[in-house]
Amino acid sequence: MSVTSFYLLIGAVLGGIFLFFKPLQVDIASPGELAQIELDHFTVYEVASTGVKTILAGQHASRFPDRYEVDDLNLTDRSEGHVETMKARKGIYKEPLISLEGDVRFRRDDGITFETAQADYNQSSGVVRAPGAFVLLQARDRVDGKNLYYNLNSGDISAKKIVGIYTMKEKM
């Protein structure tokens, strides 16, 4: 085999590769959606000069530039004079809003509890909104309804389609 035919063979093989094979297209995820930090089976304590202010626990958490996403969220907040506990299957924290989804349970140390499928809690205003069905309990009182609006600071509560059981003490 001569040198000329060798170069022609190499050129034909490379030309065939160039014509018949396409370059691989690789999709690169946008850097805004890559988690900056990921945690598994964690507990985070926020400590102030007066003691522990907030305890956040969960099974998995991802921190993005604009939000935190937590699976199996358990949040205890002691910052506003009451101890409030919120639990949900999934939570998204985008300051000052906490969006909770899946088996949402809220409990406060003064006896108020409610359960719903989805709720949004605005930390700065102290307002909890649950757009779907909910059950609110306090002592022996029970309220079922839809579209809950609850201002934790003022105690104002409003809802639609409510059915309530309220226990009154009889004066003698």
C-alpha atoms as a PDB file:
ATOM      1  CA  MET A   1       0.000   0.000   0.000  1.00  0.00           C
ATOM      2  CA  SER A   2       1.469   3.289  -0.976  1.00  0.00           C
ATOM      3  CA  VAL A   3       1.503   6.436   1.160  1.00  0.00           C
ATOM      4  CA  THR A   4      -0.977   8.156  -1.175  1.00  0.00           C
ATOM      5  CA  SER A   5      -3.565   5.393  -0.889  1.00  0.00           C
ATOM      6  CA  PHE A   6      -3.067   5.341   2.907  1.00  0.00           C
ATOM      7  CA  TYR A   7      -3.864   9.072   3.139  1.00  0.00           C
ATOM      8  CA  LEU A   8      -6.851   8.604   0.821  1.00  0.00           C
ATOM      9  CA  LEU A   9      -8.174   5.784   3.046  1.00  0.00           C
ATOM     10  CA  ILE A  10      -7.762   7.888   6.202  1.00  0.00           C
ATOM     11  CA  GLY A  11      -9.468  10.842   4.474  1.00  0.00           C
ATOM     12  CA  ALA A  12     -12.385   8.654   3.326  1.00  0.00           C
ATOM     13  CA  VAL A  13     -12.900   7.238   6.853  1.00  0.00           C
ATOM     14  CA  LEU A  14     -12.788  10.704   8.447  1.00  0.00           C
ATOM     15  CA  GLY A  15     -15.109  12.109   5.751  1.00  0.00           C
ATOM     16  CA  GLY A  16     -17.579   9.273   6.412  1.00  0.00           C
ATOM     17  CA  ILE A  17     -17.492   9.965  10.137  1.00  0.00           C
ATOM     18  CA  PHE A  18     -18.081  13.658   9.468  1.00  0.00           C
ATOM     19  CA  LEU A  19     -21.054  12.988   7.143  1.00  0.00           C
ATOM     20  CA  PHE A  20     -22.814  10.149   8.997  1.00  0.00           C
ATOM     21  CA  PHE A  21     -22.304  10.991  12.683  1.00  0.00           C
ATOM     22  CA  LYS A  22     -23.936  14.042  14.270  1.00  0.00           C
ATOM     23  CA  PRO A  23     -22.439  15.750  17.334  1.00  0.00           C
ATOM     24  CA  LEU A  24     -24.096  14.933  20.644  1.00  0.00           C
ATOM     25  CA  GLN A  25     -26.471  17.624  21.946  1.00  0.00           C
ATOM     26  CA  VAL A  26     -26.118  18.061  25.708  1.00  0.00           C
ATOM     27  CA  ASP A  27     -28.735  20.113  27.568  1.00  0.00           C
ATOM     28  CA  ILE A  28     -27.202  22.109  30.372  1.00  0.00           C
ATOM     29  CA  ALA A  29     -29.527  23.009  33.243  1.00  0.00           C
ATOM     30  CA  SER A  30     -29.846  26.685  33.975  1.00  0.00           C
ATOM     31  CA  PRO A  31     -27.646  27.585  36.943  1.00  0.00           C
ATOM     32  CA  GLY A  32     -30.584  29.282  38.721  1.00  0.00           C
ATOM     33  CA  GLU A  33     -32.254  25.915  39.343  1.00  0.00           C
ATOM     34  CA  LEU A  34     -29.274  24.101  40.779  1.00  0.00           C
ATOM     35  CA  ALA A  35     -29.504  23.680  44.521  1.00  0.00           C
ATOM     36  CA  GLN A  36     -26.764  25.514  46.370  1.00  0.00           C
ATOM     37  CA  ILE A  37     -27.018  23.242  49.416  1.00  0.00           C
ATOM     38  CA  GLU A  38     -28.831  19.951  50.014  1.00  0.00           C
ATOM     39  CA  LEU A  39     -29.400  18.364  53.427  1.00  0.00           C
ATOM     40  CA  ASP A  40     -30.813  14.974  54.456  1.00  0.00           C
ATOM     41  CA  HIS A  41     -32.318  14.115  57.867  1.00  0.00           C
ATOM     42  CA  PHE A  42     -31.534  17.469  59.437  1.00  0.00           C
ATOM     43  CA  THR A  43     -32.441  19.824  62.274  1.00  0.00           C
ATOM     44  CA  VAL A  44     -31.588  23.532  62.151  1.00  0.00           C
ATOM     45  CA  TYR A  45     -31.733  25.729  65.276  1.00  0.00           C
ATOM     46  CA  GLU A  46     -31.996  29.506  65.116  1.00  0.00           C
ATOM     47  CA  VAL A  47     -30.648  30.881  68.374  1.00  0.00           C
ATOM     48  CA  ALA A  48     -31.211  34.425  69.635  1.00  0.00           C
ATOM     49  CA  SER A  49     -29.928  36.089  72.806  1.00  0.00           C
ATOM     50  CA  THR A  50     -33.135  34.968  74.584  1.00  0.00           C
ATOM     51  CA  GLY A  51     -32.704  31.320  73.576  1.00  0.00           C
ATOM     52  CA  VAL A  52     -33.833  29.057  70.749  1.00  0.00           C
ATOM     53  CA  LYS A  53     -36.114  31.024  68.436  1.00  0.00           C
ATOM     54  CA  THR A  54     -36.858  28.553  65.621  1.00  0.00           C
ATOM     55  CA  ILE A  55     -36.358  24.827  65.095  1.00  0.00           C
ATOM     56  CA  LEU A  56     -36.648  23.471  61.552  1.00  0.00           C
ATOM     57  CA  ALA A  57     -36.437  19.727  60.922  1.00  0.00           C
ATOM     58  CA  GLY A  58     -37.016  17.652  57.809  1.00  0.00           C
ATOM     59  CA  GLN A  59     -36.076  14.636  55.746  1.00  0.00           C
ATOM     60  CA  HIS A  60     -34.595  16.532  52.779  1.00  0.00           C
ATOM     61  CA  ALA A  61     -33.976  20.202  52.050  1.00  0.00           C
ATOM     62  CA  SER A  62     -32.650  22.126  49.078  1.00  0.00           C
ATOM     63  CA  ARG A  63     -31.510  25.729  49.149  1.00  0.00           C
ATOM     64  CA  PHE A  64     -31.932  27.695  45.928  1.00  0.00           C
ATOM     65  CA  PRO A  65     -30.927  31.337  45.411  1.00  0.00           C
ATOM     66  CA  ASP A  66     -34.504  32.546  46.044  1.00  0.00           C
ATOM     67  CA  ARG A  67     -36.095  29.841  48.216  1.00  0.00           C
ATOM     68  CA  TYR A  68     -35.770  26.787  50.440  1.00  0.00           C
ATOM     69  CA  GLU A  69     -37.645  23.546  49.683  1.00  0.00           C
ATOM     70  CA  VAL A  70     -38.152  21.046  52.517  1.00  0.00           C
ATOM     71  CA  ASP A  71     -39.696  17.555  52.492  1.00  0.00           C
ATOM     72  CA  ASP A  72     -41.457  16.309  55.665  1.00  0.00           C
ATOM     73  CA  LEU A  73     -41.232  19.753  57.244  1.00  0.00           C
ATOM     74  CA  ASN A  74     -41.528  20.239  61.010  1.00  0.00           C
ATOM     75  CA  LEU A  75     -41.189  23.914  62.026  1.00  0.00           C
ATOM     76  CA  THR A  76     -41.403  25.214  65.592  1.00  0.00           C
ATOM     77  CA  ASP A  77     -41.407  29.008  65.961  1.00  0.00           C
ATOM     78  CA  ARG A  78     -41.130  30.753  69.347  1.00  0.00           C
ATOM     79  CA  SER A  79     -40.569  34.277  68.101  1.00  0.00           C
ATOM     80  CA  GLU A  80     -43.979  35.981  68.483  1.00  0.00           C
ATOM     81  CA  GLY A  81     -44.860  35.241  72.115  1.00  0.00           C
ATOM     82  CA  HIS A  82     -46.485  31.894  71.287  1.00  0.00           C
ATOM     83  CA  VAL A  83     -45.021  28.534  70.410  1.00  0.00           C
ATOM     84  CA  GLU A  84     -46.308  27.588  66.941  1.00  0.00           C
ATOM     85  CA  THR A  85     -45.689  24.231  65.298  1.00  0.00           C
ATOM     86  CA  MET A  86     -46.287  23.589  61.612  1.00  0.00           C
ATOM     87  CA  LYS A  87     -45.947  20.215  59.928  1.00  0.00           C
ATOM     88  CA  ALA A  88     -46.392  19.301  56.261  1.00  0.00           C
ATOM     89  CA  ARG A  89     -45.173  16.836  53.669  1.00  0.00           C
ATOM     90  CA  LYS A  90     -43.605  19.665  51.650  1.00  0.00           C
ATOM     91  CA  GLY A  91     -42.728  23.248  52.432  1.00  0.00           C
ATOM     92  CA  ILE A  92     -41.372  26.070  50.300  1.00  0.00           C
ATOM     93  CA  TYR A  93     -39.933  29.080  52.120  1.00  0.00           C
ATOM     94  CA  LYS A  94     -39.551  32.224  50.056  1.00  0.00           C
ATOM     95  CA  GLU A  95     -39.214  35.072  52.534  1.00  0.00           C
ATOM     96  CA  PRO A  96     -41.585  36.056  54.098  1.00  0.00           C
ATOM     97  CA  LEU A  97     -43.992  33.401  52.728  1.00  0.00           C
ATOM     98  CA  ILE A  98     -44.030  29.730  53.747  1.00  0.00           C
ATOM     99  CA  SER A  99     -46.132  27.552  51.429  1.00  0.00           C
ATOM    100  CA  LEU A 100     -47.119  24.203  52.920  1.00  0.00           C
ATOM    101  CA  GLU A 101     -48.562  21.260  50.989  1.00  0.00           C
ATOM    102  CA  GLY A 102     -49.782  17.810  51.969  1.00  0.00           C
ATOM    103  CA  ASP A 103     -51.220  16.926  55.372  1.00  0.00           C
ATOM    104  CA  VAL A 104     -50.668  20.408  56.835  1.00  0.00           C
ATOM    105  CA  ARG A 105     -51.031  20.603  60.627  1.00  0.00           C
ATOM    106  CA  PHE A 106     -50.735  23.819  62.632  1.00  0.00           C
ATOM    107  CA  ARG A 107     -50.695  23.869  66.429  1.00  0.00           C
ATOM    108  CA  ARG A 108     -50.246  26.772  68.809  1.00  0.00           C
ATOM    109  CA  ASP A 109     -49.619  26.703  72.566  1.00  0.00           C
ATOM    110  CA  ASP A 110     -52.932  28.479  73.334  1.00  0.00           C
ATOM    111  CA  GLY A 111     -54.834  25.413  72.073  1.00  0.00           C
ATOM    112  CA  ILE A 112     -55.661  26.425  68.501  1.00  0.00           C
ATOM    113  CA  THR A 113     -54.996  23.753  65.896  1.00  0.00           C
ATOM    114  CA  PHE A 114     -56.021  23.325  62.298  1.00  0.00           C
ATOM    115  CA  GLU A 115     -55.532  20.752  59.594  1.00  0.00           C
ATOM    116  CA  THR A 116     -55.749  21.222  55.838  1.00  0.00           C
ATOM    117  CA  ALA A 117     -54.210  20.016  52.574  1.00  0.00           C
ATOM    118  CA  GLN A 118     -52.486  23.308  51.677  1.00  0.00           C
ATOM    119  CA  ALA A 119     -51.709  26.548  53.513  1.00  0.00           C
ATOM    120  CA  ASP A 120     -49.690  29.729  53.029  1.00  0.00           C
ATOM    121  CA  TYR A 121     -48.193  31.480  56.051  1.00  0.00           C
ATOM    122  CA  ASN A 122     -46.894  35.035  55.796  1.00  0.00           C
ATOM    123  CA  GLN A 123     -44.396  35.496  58.628  1.00  0.00           C
ATOM    124  CA  SER A 124     -44.265  39.285  58.424  1.00  0.00           C
ATOM    125  CA  SER A 125     -48.051  39.806  58.652  1.00  0.00           C
ATOM    126  CA  GLY A 126     -48.838  36.707  60.735  1.00  0.00           C
ATOM    127  CA  VAL A 127     -51.590  35.617  58.316  1.00  0.00           C
ATOM    128  CA  VAL A 128     -52.348  31.995  57.469  1.00  0.00           C
ATOM    129  CA  ARG A 129     -54.495  31.222  54.410  1.00  0.00           C
ATOM    130  CA  ALA A 130     -55.819  27.774  53.528  1.00  0.00           C
ATOM    131  CA  PRO A 131     -57.688  27.852  50.193  1.00  0.00           C
ATOM    132  CA  GLY A 132     -59.258  24.390  50.472  1.00  0.00           C
ATOM    133  CA  ALA A 133     -61.135  22.479  53.142  1.00  0.00           C
ATOM    134  CA  PHE A 134     -59.926  22.739  56.733  1.00  0.00           C
ATOM    135  CA  VAL A 135     -60.714  21.657  60.293  1.00  0.00           C
ATOM    136  CA  LEU A 136     -60.053  24.163  63.100  1.00  0.00           C
ATOM    137  CA  LEU A 137     -60.066  22.978  66.725  1.00  0.00           C
ATOM    138  CA  GLN A 138     -59.845  24.860  70.006  1.00  0.00           C
ATOM    139  CA  ALA A 139     -60.588  23.086  73.269  1.00  0.00           C
ATOM    140  CA  ARG A 140     -63.917  21.300  72.601  1.00  0.00           C
ATOM    141  CA  ASP A 141     -64.918  23.600  69.726  1.00  0.00           C
ATOM    142  CA  ARG A 142     -64.660  22.462  66.104  1.00  0.00           C
ATOM    143  CA  VAL A 143     -65.107  24.363  62.839  1.00  0.00           C
ATOM    144  CA  ASP A 144     -65.089  22.771  59.373  1.00  0.00           C
ATOM    145  CA  GLY A 145     -65.038  24.997  56.314  1.00  0.00           C
ATOM    146  CA  LYS A 146     -63.243  26.274  53.237  1.00  0.00           C
ATOM    147  CA  ASN A 147     -60.979  29.236  52.444  1.00  0.00           C
ATOM    148  CA  LEU A 148     -59.575  29.854  55.914  1.00  0.00           C
ATOM    149  CA  TYR A 149     -58.082  33.272  56.699  1.00  0.00           C
ATOM    150  CA  TYR A 150     -56.466  33.392  60.134  1.00  0.00           C
ATOM    151  CA  ASN A 151     -54.525  36.370  61.488  1.00  0.00           C
ATOM    152  CA  LEU A 152     -52.355  34.990  64.282  1.00  0.00           C
ATOM    153  CA  ASN A 153     -51.538  38.438  65.668  1.00  0.00           C
ATOM    154  CA  SER A 154     -55.083  39.788  66.021  1.00  0.00           C
ATOM    155  CA  GLY A 155     -56.929  36.466  66.304  1.00  0.00           C
ATOM    156  CA  ASP A 156     -59.246  37.332  63.391  1.00  0.00           C
ATOM    157  CA  ILE A 157     -60.613  34.258  61.635  1.00  0.00           C
ATOM    158  CA  SER A 158     -62.820  34.105  58.560  1.00  0.00           C
ATOM    159  CA  ALA A 159     -63.882  31.288  56.259  1.00  0.00           C
ATOM    160  CA  LYS A 160     -66.574  30.160  53.841  1.00  0.00           C
ATOM    161  CA  LYS A 161     -69.043  27.278  54.052  1.00  0.00           C
ATOM    162  CA  ILE A 162     -68.433  26.722  57.744  1.00  0.00           C
ATOM    163  CA  VAL A 163     -70.051  24.178  59.985  1.00  0.00           C
ATOM    164  CA  GLY A 164     -69.192  24.606  63.633  1.00  0.00           C
ATOM    165  CA  ILE A 165     -69.682  22.900  66.942  1.00  0.00           C
ATOM    166  CA  TYR A 166     -69.294  25.362  69.769  1.00  0.00           C
ATOM    167  CA  THR A 167     -69.567  24.391  73.434  1.00  0.00           C
ATOM    168  CA  MET A 168     -71.057  27.074  75.678  1.00  0.00           C
ATOM    169  CA  LYS A 169     -70.951  27.077  79.449  1.00  0.00           C
ATOM    170  CA  GLU A 170     -74.289  27.562  81.116  1.00  0.00           C
ATOM    171  CA  LYS A 171     -74.520  30.226  83.820  1.00  0.00           C
ATOM    172  CA  MET A 172     -76.364  29.321  86.973  1.00  0.00           C
END
